[in-house]
Amino acid sequence: MAQNSLDRAVVVTGASTGIGRAAVAKAVREGAHVFASVRKQADADGLTAEFGAAVTPLIFDVADETAVRAGAARVAQVLGGRRLWGLVNNAGIAVPGPLLHLDTEELRRQFEINLFGVHNVTRAFADLLGADPDRTGKPGRIVMISSVGGQNGSPFVGPYSASKFALEGYSQSLRRELMLYGIDVIVIGPGAIATPIWDKAEKEDLKRFSNTPYAPMVERVADYMVTQGKVGLPASDVGDLIWFCLSDPKPKTRYHILRKPFMDRTLPKILNPRTVDKIIAKRLGFPKRP
């Protein structure tokens, strides 16, 4: 595959599988050159085998600020004096479990990846996107991959929801600050997407909560999430939306992509929050309280 245009160069984090891999594939098809970040050499080799010279793999963990900056330096070298066309902050993890039974260190790990990692990457690539006035080309765009859980907190995924709520606020403030440089920030909030993350979820060890009052509820939620994930939207749909956000002349500030938008987004917004609480409690089998 020939090297695609560096005039439309995009960085995608978390590109080994799922949404990140789909974003890479779509950008390559559209003629962009993609700098794709992964954590393992084997994943980098897989990207090269599939996409050839159209993709430059970057190996770093978004939580490692030094490694992220080294990745940005490599991108700067390849771009020469050009600006980066887009940055897709996709890398993320999900820490499950009842909040009262999770150590602070587990929440810290969640935020290290889903928020502080985003900050590391955004700062490292900001000059390439347009903060450096000496580079040529139009300012680039940043696409943040949030979640339906970034606007509606669900039981037993509290760390994940908290990190995505934080990402939503971070993105809004960042968008308004980066108007100084002409860099836009757009948020995408997917619902359940059919990706390998659900295979990992099946293997997630939730047995450590088996001696807590939450045990039957945790099991019920885990089964539900795995089932919903496997019948979720294809990752390619999100990849297409990411490209739209990067290329549309007048994008909105936030997009949602849900299999059941009324149930997952509209209904929770129009119902009284206490009513939503009661519906969730009933579904999970919480005992009735006076």
C-alpha atoms as a PDB file:
ATOM      1  CA  MET A   1       0.000   0.000   0.000  1.00  0.00           C
ATOM      2  CA  ALA A   2       1.428   3.388  -0.961  1.00  0.00           C
ATOM      3  CA  GLN A   3       2.147   6.009   1.671  1.00  0.00           C
ATOM      4  CA  ASN A   4      -0.945   8.159   1.997  1.00  0.00           C
ATOM      5  CA  SER A   5      -0.926  11.944   2.094  1.00  0.00           C
ATOM      6  CA  LEU A   6       0.928  13.634   4.960  1.00  0.00           C
ATOM      7  CA  ASP A   7      -1.196  16.707   4.246  1.00  0.00           C
ATOM      8  CA  ARG A   8      -3.984  14.804   6.001  1.00  0.00           C
ATOM      9  CA  ALA A   9      -2.038  13.066   8.741  1.00  0.00           C
ATOM     10  CA  VAL A  10      -3.929  11.697  11.739  1.00  0.00           C
ATOM     11  CA  VAL A  11      -2.806  10.319  15.100  1.00  0.00           C
ATOM     12  CA  VAL A  12      -5.027   7.602  16.605  1.00  0.00           C
ATOM     13  CA  THR A  13      -4.351   6.252  20.102  1.00  0.00           C
ATOM     14  CA  GLY A  14      -5.404   2.775  21.190  1.00  0.00           C
ATOM     15  CA  ALA A  15      -5.258   1.489  17.621  1.00  0.00           C
ATOM     16  CA  SER A  16      -4.697  -2.231  18.228  1.00  0.00           C
ATOM     17  CA  THR A  17      -8.384  -3.271  18.148  1.00  0.00           C
ATOM     18  CA  GLY A  18     -11.964  -2.024  18.206  1.00  0.00           C
ATOM     19  CA  ILE A  19     -12.784   1.631  17.624  1.00  0.00           C
ATOM     20  CA  GLY A  20      -9.156   2.675  17.267  1.00  0.00           C
ATOM     21  CA  ARG A  21      -8.451   0.041  14.612  1.00  0.00           C
ATOM     22  CA  ALA A  22     -11.645   1.003  12.768  1.00  0.00           C
ATOM     23  CA  ALA A  23     -10.633   4.681  12.830  1.00  0.00           C
ATOM     24  CA  VAL A  24      -7.261   3.763  11.323  1.00  0.00           C
ATOM     25  CA  ALA A  25      -8.862   1.679   8.559  1.00  0.00           C
ATOM     26  CA  LYS A  26     -11.321   4.424   7.607  1.00  0.00           C
ATOM     27  CA  ALA A  27      -8.664   7.152   7.535  1.00  0.00           C
ATOM     28  CA  VAL A  28      -6.402   5.011   5.345  1.00  0.00           C
ATOM     29  CA  ARG A  29      -9.261   4.363   2.921  1.00  0.00           C
ATOM     30  CA  GLU A  30      -9.839   8.114   2.721  1.00  0.00           C
ATOM     31  CA  GLY A  31      -6.221   8.735   1.763  1.00  0.00           C
ATOM     32  CA  ALA A  32      -4.831   9.943   5.090  1.00  0.00           C
ATOM     33  CA  HIS A  33      -1.548   8.874   6.596  1.00  0.00           C
ATOM     34  CA  VAL A  34      -2.110   7.513  10.096  1.00  0.00           C
ATOM     35  CA  PHE A  35       0.224   7.487  13.067  1.00  0.00           C
ATOM     36  CA  ALA A  36      -1.296   4.704  15.155  1.00  0.00           C
ATOM     37  CA  SER A  37      -0.335   4.242  18.789  1.00  0.00           C
ATOM     38  CA  VAL A  38      -0.237   0.811  20.417  1.00  0.00           C
ATOM     39  CA  ARG A  39       1.485  -0.596  23.505  1.00  0.00           C
ATOM     40  CA  LYS A  40       3.003  -3.781  22.057  1.00  0.00           C
ATOM     41  CA  GLN A  41       5.401  -4.466  19.210  1.00  0.00           C
ATOM     42  CA  ALA A  42       3.191  -7.328  18.005  1.00  0.00           C
ATOM     43  CA  ASP A  43       0.311  -4.899  17.507  1.00  0.00           C
ATOM     44  CA  ALA A  44       2.611  -2.493  15.656  1.00  0.00           C
ATOM     45  CA  ASP A  45       3.683  -5.343  13.383  1.00  0.00           C
ATOM     46  CA  GLY A  46       0.020  -6.195  12.759  1.00  0.00           C
ATOM     47  CA  LEU A  47      -0.716  -2.634  11.666  1.00  0.00           C
ATOM     48  CA  THR A  48       2.217  -2.663   9.268  1.00  0.00           C
ATOM     49  CA  ALA A  49       1.163  -6.004   7.825  1.00  0.00           C
ATOM     50  CA  GLU A  50      -2.387  -4.802   7.215  1.00  0.00           C
ATOM     51  CA  PHE A  51      -1.869  -1.211   6.092  1.00  0.00           C
ATOM     52  CA  GLY A  52       1.728  -1.035   4.871  1.00  0.00           C
ATOM     53  CA  ALA A  53       3.324   2.379   4.458  1.00  0.00           C
ATOM     54  CA  ALA A  54      -0.016   4.170   4.938  1.00  0.00           C
ATOM     55  CA  VAL A  55       0.393   3.693   8.718  1.00  0.00           C
ATOM     56  CA  THR A  56       3.300   4.588  10.974  1.00  0.00           C
ATOM     57  CA  PRO A  57       2.984   2.684  14.260  1.00  0.00           C
ATOM     58  CA  LEU A  58       3.912   4.478  17.491  1.00  0.00           C
ATOM     59  CA  ILE A  59       4.600   2.376  20.564  1.00  0.00           C
ATOM     60  CA  PHE A  60       3.663   4.081  23.810  1.00  0.00           C
ATOM     61  CA  ASP A  61       1.353   3.840  26.791  1.00  0.00           C
ATOM     62  CA  VAL A  62      -0.669   7.063  27.055  1.00  0.00           C
ATOM     63  CA  ALA A  63       0.061   7.110  30.818  1.00  0.00           C
ATOM     64  CA  ASP A  64       3.803   7.364  30.104  1.00  0.00           C
ATOM     65  CA  GLU A  65       4.352  11.059  29.404  1.00  0.00           C
ATOM     66  CA  THR A  66       7.975  10.612  28.339  1.00  0.00           C
ATOM     67  CA  ALA A  67       7.071   7.905  25.828  1.00  0.00           C
ATOM     68  CA  VAL A  68       4.168   9.968  24.496  1.00  0.00           C
ATOM     69  CA  ARG A  69       6.460  12.942  23.896  1.00  0.00           C
ATOM     70  CA  ALA A  70       8.929  10.698  22.117  1.00  0.00           C
ATOM     71  CA  GLY A  71       6.079   9.550  19.864  1.00  0.00           C
ATOM     72  CA  ALA A  72       5.146  13.162  19.142  1.00  0.00           C
ATOM     73  CA  ALA A  73       8.761  13.957  18.277  1.00  0.00           C
ATOM     74  CA  ARG A  74       8.777  11.129  15.752  1.00  0.00           C
ATOM     75  CA  VAL A  75       5.564  12.420  14.174  1.00  0.00           C
ATOM     76  CA  ALA A  76       7.055  15.932  14.003  1.00  0.00           C
ATOM     77  CA  GLN A  77      10.101  14.560  12.218  1.00  0.00           C
ATOM     78  CA  VAL A  78       7.984  12.773   9.612  1.00  0.00           C
ATOM     79  CA  LEU A  79       5.686  15.761   9.063  1.00  0.00           C
ATOM     80  CA  GLY A  80       8.518  18.202   8.519  1.00  0.00           C
ATOM     81  CA  GLY A  81       6.963  21.658   8.696  1.00  0.00           C
ATOM     82  CA  ARG A  82       3.394  20.461   8.152  1.00  0.00           C
ATOM     83  CA  ARG A  83       0.595  20.562  10.691  1.00  0.00           C
ATOM     84  CA  LEU A  84      -1.156  17.471  11.960  1.00  0.00           C
ATOM     85  CA  TRP A  85      -4.644  17.179  10.478  1.00  0.00           C
ATOM     86  CA  GLY A  86      -6.265  15.303  13.353  1.00  0.00           C
ATOM     87  CA  LEU A  87      -5.787  13.648  16.736  1.00  0.00           C
ATOM     88  CA  VAL A  88      -8.135  10.892  17.916  1.00  0.00           C
ATOM     89  CA  ASN A  89      -7.923  10.303  21.670  1.00  0.00           C
ATOM     90  CA  ASN A  90      -9.351   6.797  21.825  1.00  0.00           C
ATOM     91  CA  ALA A  91      -7.170   4.761  24.209  1.00  0.00           C
ATOM     92  CA  GLY A  92      -9.019   3.788  27.384  1.00  0.00           C
ATOM     93  CA  ILE A  93      -9.813   1.099  29.928  1.00  0.00           C
ATOM     94  CA  ALA A  94     -12.764   0.208  32.172  1.00  0.00           C
ATOM     95  CA  VAL A  95     -12.373  -0.672  35.856  1.00  0.00           C
ATOM     96  CA  PRO A  96     -15.530  -2.497  37.060  1.00  0.00           C
ATOM     97  CA  GLY A  97     -16.972  -3.071  40.505  1.00  0.00           C
ATOM     98  CA  PRO A  98     -18.970  -1.458  43.345  1.00  0.00           C
ATOM     99  CA  LEU A  99     -17.333   1.814  44.359  1.00  0.00           C
ATOM    100  CA  LEU A 100     -17.380   0.998  48.078  1.00  0.00           C
ATOM    101  CA  HIS A 101     -15.271  -2.083  47.387  1.00  0.00           C
ATOM    102  CA  LEU A 102     -12.706  -0.511  45.057  1.00  0.00           C
ATOM    103  CA  ASP A 103      -9.397   0.815  46.342  1.00  0.00           C
ATOM    104  CA  THR A 104      -8.465   4.388  45.530  1.00  0.00           C
ATOM    105  CA  GLU A 105      -5.527   3.015  43.542  1.00  0.00           C
ATOM    106  CA  GLU A 106      -7.979   1.337  41.159  1.00  0.00           C
ATOM    107  CA  LEU A 107      -9.745   4.640  40.499  1.00  0.00           C
ATOM    108  CA  ARG A 108      -6.375   6.305  40.079  1.00  0.00           C
ATOM    109  CA  ARG A 109      -5.438   3.736  37.412  1.00  0.00           C
ATOM    110  CA  GLN A 110      -8.720   4.436  35.624  1.00  0.00           C
ATOM    111  CA  PHE A 111      -8.012   8.157  35.507  1.00  0.00           C
ATOM    112  CA  GLU A 112      -4.339   7.665  34.609  1.00  0.00           C
ATOM    113  CA  ILE A 113      -5.444   6.192  31.285  1.00  0.00           C
ATOM    114  CA  ASN A 114      -8.812   7.773  30.493  1.00  0.00           C
ATOM    115  CA  LEU A 115      -8.096  11.353  31.569  1.00  0.00           C
ATOM    116  CA  PHE A 116      -4.458  11.981  32.437  1.00  0.00           C
ATOM    117  CA  GLY A 117      -3.415   9.903  29.429  1.00  0.00           C
ATOM    118  CA  VAL A 118      -5.608  12.064  27.194  1.00  0.00           C
ATOM    119  CA  HIS A 119      -3.968  15.135  28.707  1.00  0.00           C
ATOM    120  CA  ASN A 120      -0.478  13.731  28.072  1.00  0.00           C
ATOM    121  CA  VAL A 121      -1.298  13.065  24.428  1.00  0.00           C
ATOM    122  CA  THR A 122      -3.109  16.359  23.848  1.00  0.00           C
ATOM    123  CA  ARG A 123      -0.255  18.427  25.256  1.00  0.00           C
ATOM    124  CA  ALA A 124       2.373  16.467  23.358  1.00  0.00           C
ATOM    125  CA  PHE A 125       0.665  16.927  19.989  1.00  0.00           C
ATOM    126  CA  ALA A 126      -0.766  20.438  20.469  1.00  0.00           C
ATOM    127  CA  ASP A 127       2.091  22.203  18.668  1.00  0.00           C
ATOM    128  CA  LEU A 128       1.691  19.893  15.675  1.00  0.00           C
ATOM    129  CA  LEU A 129      -2.051  20.586  15.553  1.00  0.00           C
ATOM    130  CA  GLY A 130      -1.624  24.362  15.371  1.00  0.00           C
ATOM    131  CA  ALA A 131      -0.268  25.778  18.631  1.00  0.00           C
ATOM    132  CA  ASP A 132       3.094  26.266  16.867  1.00  0.00           C
ATOM    133  CA  PRO A 133       2.583  29.211  14.473  1.00  0.00           C
ATOM    134  CA  ASP A 134       5.611  28.290  12.370  1.00  0.00           C
ATOM    135  CA  ARG A 135       3.996  25.161  10.927  1.00  0.00           C
ATOM    136  CA  THR A 136       2.111  25.261   7.639  1.00  0.00           C
ATOM    137  CA  GLY A 137      -1.446  24.176   6.903  1.00  0.00           C
ATOM    138  CA  LYS A 138      -4.800  24.619   8.586  1.00  0.00           C
ATOM    139  CA  PRO A 139      -5.110  23.914  12.313  1.00  0.00           C
ATOM    140  CA  GLY A 140      -6.089  20.335  13.073  1.00  0.00           C
ATOM    141  CA  ARG A 141      -8.942  18.834  15.052  1.00  0.00           C
ATOM    142  CA  ILE A 142      -9.100  16.682  18.165  1.00  0.00           C
ATOM    143  CA  VAL A 143     -11.725  13.945  18.452  1.00  0.00           C
ATOM    144  CA  MET A 144     -12.334  12.673  21.973  1.00  0.00           C
ATOM    145  CA  ILE A 145     -13.880   9.222  22.391  1.00  0.00           C
ATOM    146  CA  SER A 146     -16.141   9.485  25.417  1.00  0.00           C
ATOM    147  CA  SER A 147     -19.126   7.219  26.092  1.00  0.00           C
ATOM    148  CA  VAL A 148     -22.831   7.133  26.823  1.00  0.00           C
ATOM    149  CA  GLY A 149     -21.431   6.600  30.330  1.00  0.00           C
ATOM    150  CA  GLY A 150     -19.962  10.091  30.166  1.00  0.00           C
ATOM    151  CA  GLN A 151     -23.410  11.599  30.617  1.00  0.00           C
ATOM    152  CA  ASN A 152     -25.259   8.875  32.514  1.00  0.00           C
ATOM    153  CA  GLY A 153     -23.612   7.015  35.391  1.00  0.00           C
ATOM    154  CA  SER A 154     -24.473   3.324  35.749  1.00  0.00           C
ATOM    155  CA  PRO A 155     -23.896   1.026  38.728  1.00  0.00           C
ATOM    156  CA  PHE A 156     -20.656  -0.944  38.941  1.00  0.00           C
ATOM    157  CA  VAL A 157     -18.868   1.010  36.232  1.00  0.00           C
ATOM    158  CA  GLY A 158     -18.422   4.067  38.446  1.00  0.00           C
ATOM    159  CA  PRO A 159     -14.698   4.580  37.789  1.00  0.00           C
ATOM    160  CA  TYR A 160     -15.261   4.413  34.032  1.00  0.00           C
ATOM    161  CA  SER A 161     -18.262   6.768  34.132  1.00  0.00           C
ATOM    162  CA  ALA A 162     -16.399   9.187  36.400  1.00  0.00           C
ATOM    163  CA  SER A 163     -13.442   9.279  34.011  1.00  0.00           C
ATOM    164  CA  LYS A 164     -15.714   9.882  31.029  1.00  0.00           C
ATOM    165  CA  PHE A 165     -17.709  12.590  32.840  1.00  0.00           C
ATOM    166  CA  ALA A 166     -14.336  14.210  33.547  1.00  0.00           C
ATOM    167  CA  LEU A 167     -13.328  13.839  29.899  1.00  0.00           C
ATOM    168  CA  GLU A 168     -16.519  15.611  28.807  1.00  0.00           C
ATOM    169  CA  GLY A 169     -15.733  18.608  31.036  1.00  0.00           C
ATOM    170  CA  TYR A 170     -12.079  18.559  30.034  1.00  0.00           C
ATOM    171  CA  SER A 171     -13.060  18.542  26.354  1.00  0.00           C
ATOM    172  CA  GLN A 172     -15.475  21.440  26.695  1.00  0.00           C
ATOM    173  CA  SER A 173     -12.924  23.624  28.486  1.00  0.00           C
ATOM    174  CA  LEU A 174     -10.202  22.599  26.035  1.00  0.00           C
ATOM    175  CA  ARG A 175     -12.374  23.412  23.029  1.00  0.00           C
ATOM    176  CA  ARG A 176     -12.941  26.944  24.287  1.00  0.00           C
ATOM    177  CA  GLU A 177      -9.280  27.468  25.133  1.00  0.00           C
ATOM    178  CA  LEU A 178      -8.021  26.142  21.794  1.00  0.00           C
ATOM    179  CA  MET A 179     -10.128  28.652  19.860  1.00  0.00           C
ATOM    180  CA  LEU A 180      -7.005  30.804  20.291  1.00  0.00           C
ATOM    181  CA  TYR A 181      -5.206  28.517  17.824  1.00  0.00           C
ATOM    182  CA  GLY A 182      -8.166  27.511  15.649  1.00  0.00           C
ATOM    183  CA  ILE A 183      -7.995  23.901  16.878  1.00  0.00           C
ATOM    184  CA  ASP A 184     -11.442  22.341  17.259  1.00  0.00           C
ATOM    185  CA  VAL A 185     -12.386  19.663  19.807  1.00  0.00           C
ATOM    186  CA  ILE A 186     -15.258  17.254  19.105  1.00  0.00           C
ATOM    187  CA  VAL A 187     -16.625  14.583  21.443  1.00  0.00           C
ATOM    188  CA  ILE A 188     -18.147  11.255  20.394  1.00  0.00           C
ATOM    189  CA  GLY A 189     -20.203   9.307  22.937  1.00  0.00           C
ATOM    190  CA  PRO A 190     -20.703   5.714  21.760  1.00  0.00           C
ATOM    191  CA  GLY A 191     -23.004   3.209  23.406  1.00  0.00           C
ATOM    192  CA  ALA A 192     -22.340  -0.522  23.228  1.00  0.00           C
ATOM    193  CA  ILE A 193     -19.989  -1.339  20.366  1.00  0.00           C
ATOM    194  CA  ALA A 194     -19.181  -4.878  19.231  1.00  0.00           C
ATOM    195  CA  THR A 195     -15.439  -5.052  19.875  1.00  0.00           C
ATOM    196  CA  PRO A 196     -12.973  -7.499  21.477  1.00  0.00           C
ATOM    197  CA  ILE A 197     -13.304  -5.583  24.748  1.00  0.00           C
ATOM    198  CA  TRP A 198     -16.394  -7.706  25.455  1.00  0.00           C
ATOM    199  CA  ASP A 199     -14.373 -10.896  25.173  1.00  0.00           C
ATOM    200  CA  LYS A 200     -12.085  -9.415  27.820  1.00  0.00           C
ATOM    201  CA  ALA A 201     -15.085  -8.469  29.947  1.00  0.00           C
ATOM    202  CA  GLU A 202     -16.157 -12.102  30.117  1.00  0.00           C
ATOM    203  CA  LYS A 203     -12.786 -12.944  31.618  1.00  0.00           C
ATOM    204  CA  GLU A 204     -12.778 -10.027  34.066  1.00  0.00           C
ATOM    205  CA  ASP A 205     -12.457 -11.448  37.567  1.00  0.00           C
ATOM    206  CA  LEU A 206     -15.450 -10.173  39.508  1.00  0.00           C
ATOM    207  CA  LYS A 207     -15.332 -13.037  42.013  1.00  0.00           C
ATOM    208  CA  ARG A 208     -13.648 -10.789  44.568  1.00  0.00           C
ATOM    209  CA  PHE A 209     -17.032  -9.141  45.090  1.00  0.00           C
ATOM    210  CA  SER A 210     -18.780 -12.451  45.744  1.00  0.00           C
ATOM    211  CA  ASN A 211     -18.716 -11.920  49.509  1.00  0.00           C
ATOM    212  CA  THR A 212     -20.283  -8.472  49.316  1.00  0.00           C
ATOM    213  CA  PRO A 213     -23.992  -7.565  49.381  1.00  0.00           C
ATOM    214  CA  TYR A 214     -23.605  -6.523  45.740  1.00  0.00           C
ATOM    215  CA  ALA A 215     -22.655 -10.000  44.471  1.00  0.00           C
ATOM    216  CA  PRO A 216     -25.899 -10.951  42.645  1.00  0.00           C
ATOM    217  CA  MET A 217     -26.304  -7.447  41.198  1.00  0.00           C
ATOM    218  CA  VAL A 218     -22.718  -7.333  39.902  1.00  0.00           C
ATOM    219  CA  GLU A 219     -23.189 -10.672  38.150  1.00  0.00           C
ATOM    220  CA  ARG A 220     -26.435  -9.490  36.580  1.00  0.00           C
ATOM    221  CA  VAL A 221     -24.854  -6.270  35.295  1.00  0.00           C
ATOM    222  CA  ALA A 222     -21.802  -8.112  33.957  1.00  0.00           C
ATOM    223  CA  ASP A 223     -23.988 -10.551  32.005  1.00  0.00           C
ATOM    224  CA  TYR A 224     -26.075  -7.671  30.648  1.00  0.00           C
ATOM    225  CA  MET A 225     -23.075  -5.651  29.504  1.00  0.00           C
ATOM    226  CA  VAL A 226     -21.429  -8.605  27.770  1.00  0.00           C
ATOM    227  CA  THR A 227     -24.699  -9.440  25.994  1.00  0.00           C
ATOM    228  CA  GLN A 228     -25.301  -5.836  24.932  1.00  0.00           C
ATOM    229  CA  GLY A 229     -21.732  -5.449  23.771  1.00  0.00           C
ATOM    230  CA  LYS A 230     -21.842  -8.497  21.546  1.00  0.00           C
ATOM    231  CA  VAL A 231     -24.949  -7.209  19.778  1.00  0.00           C
ATOM    232  CA  GLY A 232     -23.702  -3.625  19.739  1.00  0.00           C
ATOM    233  CA  LEU A 233     -22.991  -1.454  16.731  1.00  0.00           C
ATOM    234  CA  PRO A 234     -19.970  -2.408  14.616  1.00  0.00           C
ATOM    235  CA  ALA A 235     -16.775  -0.504  15.400  1.00  0.00           C
ATOM    236  CA  SER A 236     -16.644   0.556  11.745  1.00  0.00           C
ATOM    237  CA  ASP A 237     -19.692   2.780  12.353  1.00  0.00           C
ATOM    238  CA  VAL A 238     -17.714   4.728  14.936  1.00  0.00           C
ATOM    239  CA  GLY A 239     -14.723   4.813  12.606  1.00  0.00           C
ATOM    240  CA  ASP A 240     -16.914   6.409   9.953  1.00  0.00           C
ATOM    241  CA  LEU A 241     -18.211   8.971  12.458  1.00  0.00           C
ATOM    242  CA  ILE A 242     -14.677   9.828  13.567  1.00  0.00           C
ATOM    243  CA  TRP A 243     -13.733  10.568   9.968  1.00  0.00           C
ATOM    244  CA  PHE A 244     -16.860  12.692   9.573  1.00  0.00           C
ATOM    245  CA  CYS A 245     -15.856  14.717  12.646  1.00  0.00           C
ATOM    246  CA  LEU A 246     -12.393  15.256  11.213  1.00  0.00           C
ATOM    247  CA  SER A 247     -13.545  16.201   7.726  1.00  0.00           C
ATOM    248  CA  ASP A 248     -16.954  17.904   7.964  1.00  0.00           C
ATOM    249  CA  PRO A 249     -16.705  21.677   7.354  1.00  0.00           C
ATOM    250  CA  LYS A 250     -19.044  22.527  10.241  1.00  0.00           C
ATOM    251  CA  PRO A 251     -19.153  19.703  12.784  1.00  0.00           C
ATOM    252  CA  LYS A 252     -21.192  19.789  15.964  1.00  0.00           C
ATOM    253  CA  THR A 253     -19.356  19.808  19.274  1.00  0.00           C
ATOM    254  CA  ARG A 254     -20.677  16.383  20.332  1.00  0.00           C
ATOM    255  CA  TYR A 255     -22.140  13.310  18.647  1.00  0.00           C
ATOM    256  CA  HIS A 256     -23.705  10.201  20.137  1.00  0.00           C
ATOM    257  CA  ILE A 257     -23.869   6.859  18.352  1.00  0.00           C
ATOM    258  CA  LEU A 258     -26.235   4.394  19.995  1.00  0.00           C
ATOM    259  CA  ARG A 259     -28.098   1.265  18.955  1.00  0.00           C
ATOM    260  CA  LYS A 260     -31.116   2.333  21.030  1.00  0.00           C
ATOM    261  CA  PRO A 261     -30.870   6.139  21.321  1.00  0.00           C
ATOM    262  CA  PHE A 262     -34.305   6.564  22.917  1.00  0.00           C
ATOM    263  CA  MET A 263     -33.658   4.033  25.691  1.00  0.00           C
ATOM    264  CA  ASP A 264     -30.006   4.865  26.228  1.00  0.00           C
ATOM    265  CA  ARG A 265     -30.056   8.646  25.967  1.00  0.00           C
ATOM    266  CA  THR A 266     -33.453  10.283  25.519  1.00  0.00           C
ATOM    267  CA  LEU A 267     -35.408   8.469  28.233  1.00  0.00           C
ATOM    268  CA  PRO A 268     -32.851   9.002  31.017  1.00  0.00           C
ATOM    269  CA  LYS A 269     -32.804  12.697  30.127  1.00  0.00           C
ATOM    270  CA  ILE A 270     -36.573  13.248  30.208  1.00  0.00           C
ATOM    271  CA  LEU A 271     -37.382  11.139  33.271  1.00  0.00           C
ATOM    272  CA  ASN A 272     -36.940  12.367  36.816  1.00  0.00           C
ATOM    273  CA  PRO A 273     -33.546  11.081  38.066  1.00  0.00           C
ATOM    274  CA  ARG A 274     -35.248   9.412  41.055  1.00  0.00           C
ATOM    275  CA  THR A 275     -37.476   7.526  38.649  1.00  0.00           C
ATOM    276  CA  VAL A 276     -34.442   6.316  36.727  1.00  0.00           C
ATOM    277  CA  ASP A 277     -32.887   5.229  40.036  1.00  0.00           C
ATOM    278  CA  LYS A 278     -35.963   3.156  40.880  1.00  0.00           C
ATOM    279  CA  ILE A 279     -36.002   1.507  37.436  1.00  0.00           C
ATOM    280  CA  ILE A 280     -32.341   0.550  37.791  1.00  0.00           C
ATOM    281  CA  ALA A 281     -32.855  -0.746  41.326  1.00  0.00           C
ATOM    282  CA  LYS A 282     -35.751  -2.924  40.209  1.00  0.00           C
ATOM    283  CA  ARG A 283     -33.815  -4.347  37.266  1.00  0.00           C
ATOM    284  CA  LEU A 284     -30.852  -5.181  39.470  1.00  0.00           C
ATOM    285  CA  GLY A 285     -32.948  -6.739  42.199  1.00  0.00           C
ATOM    286  CA  PHE A 286     -32.143  -4.228  44.927  1.00  0.00           C
ATOM    287  CA  PRO A 287     -34.302  -4.820  48.035  1.00  0.00           C
ATOM    288  CA  LYS A 288     -37.082  -2.298  48.552  1.00  0.00           C
ATOM    289  CA  ARG A 289     -36.366   0.312  51.179  1.00  0.00           C
ATOM    290  CA  PRO A 290     -38.958   2.180  53.249  1.00  0.00           C
END
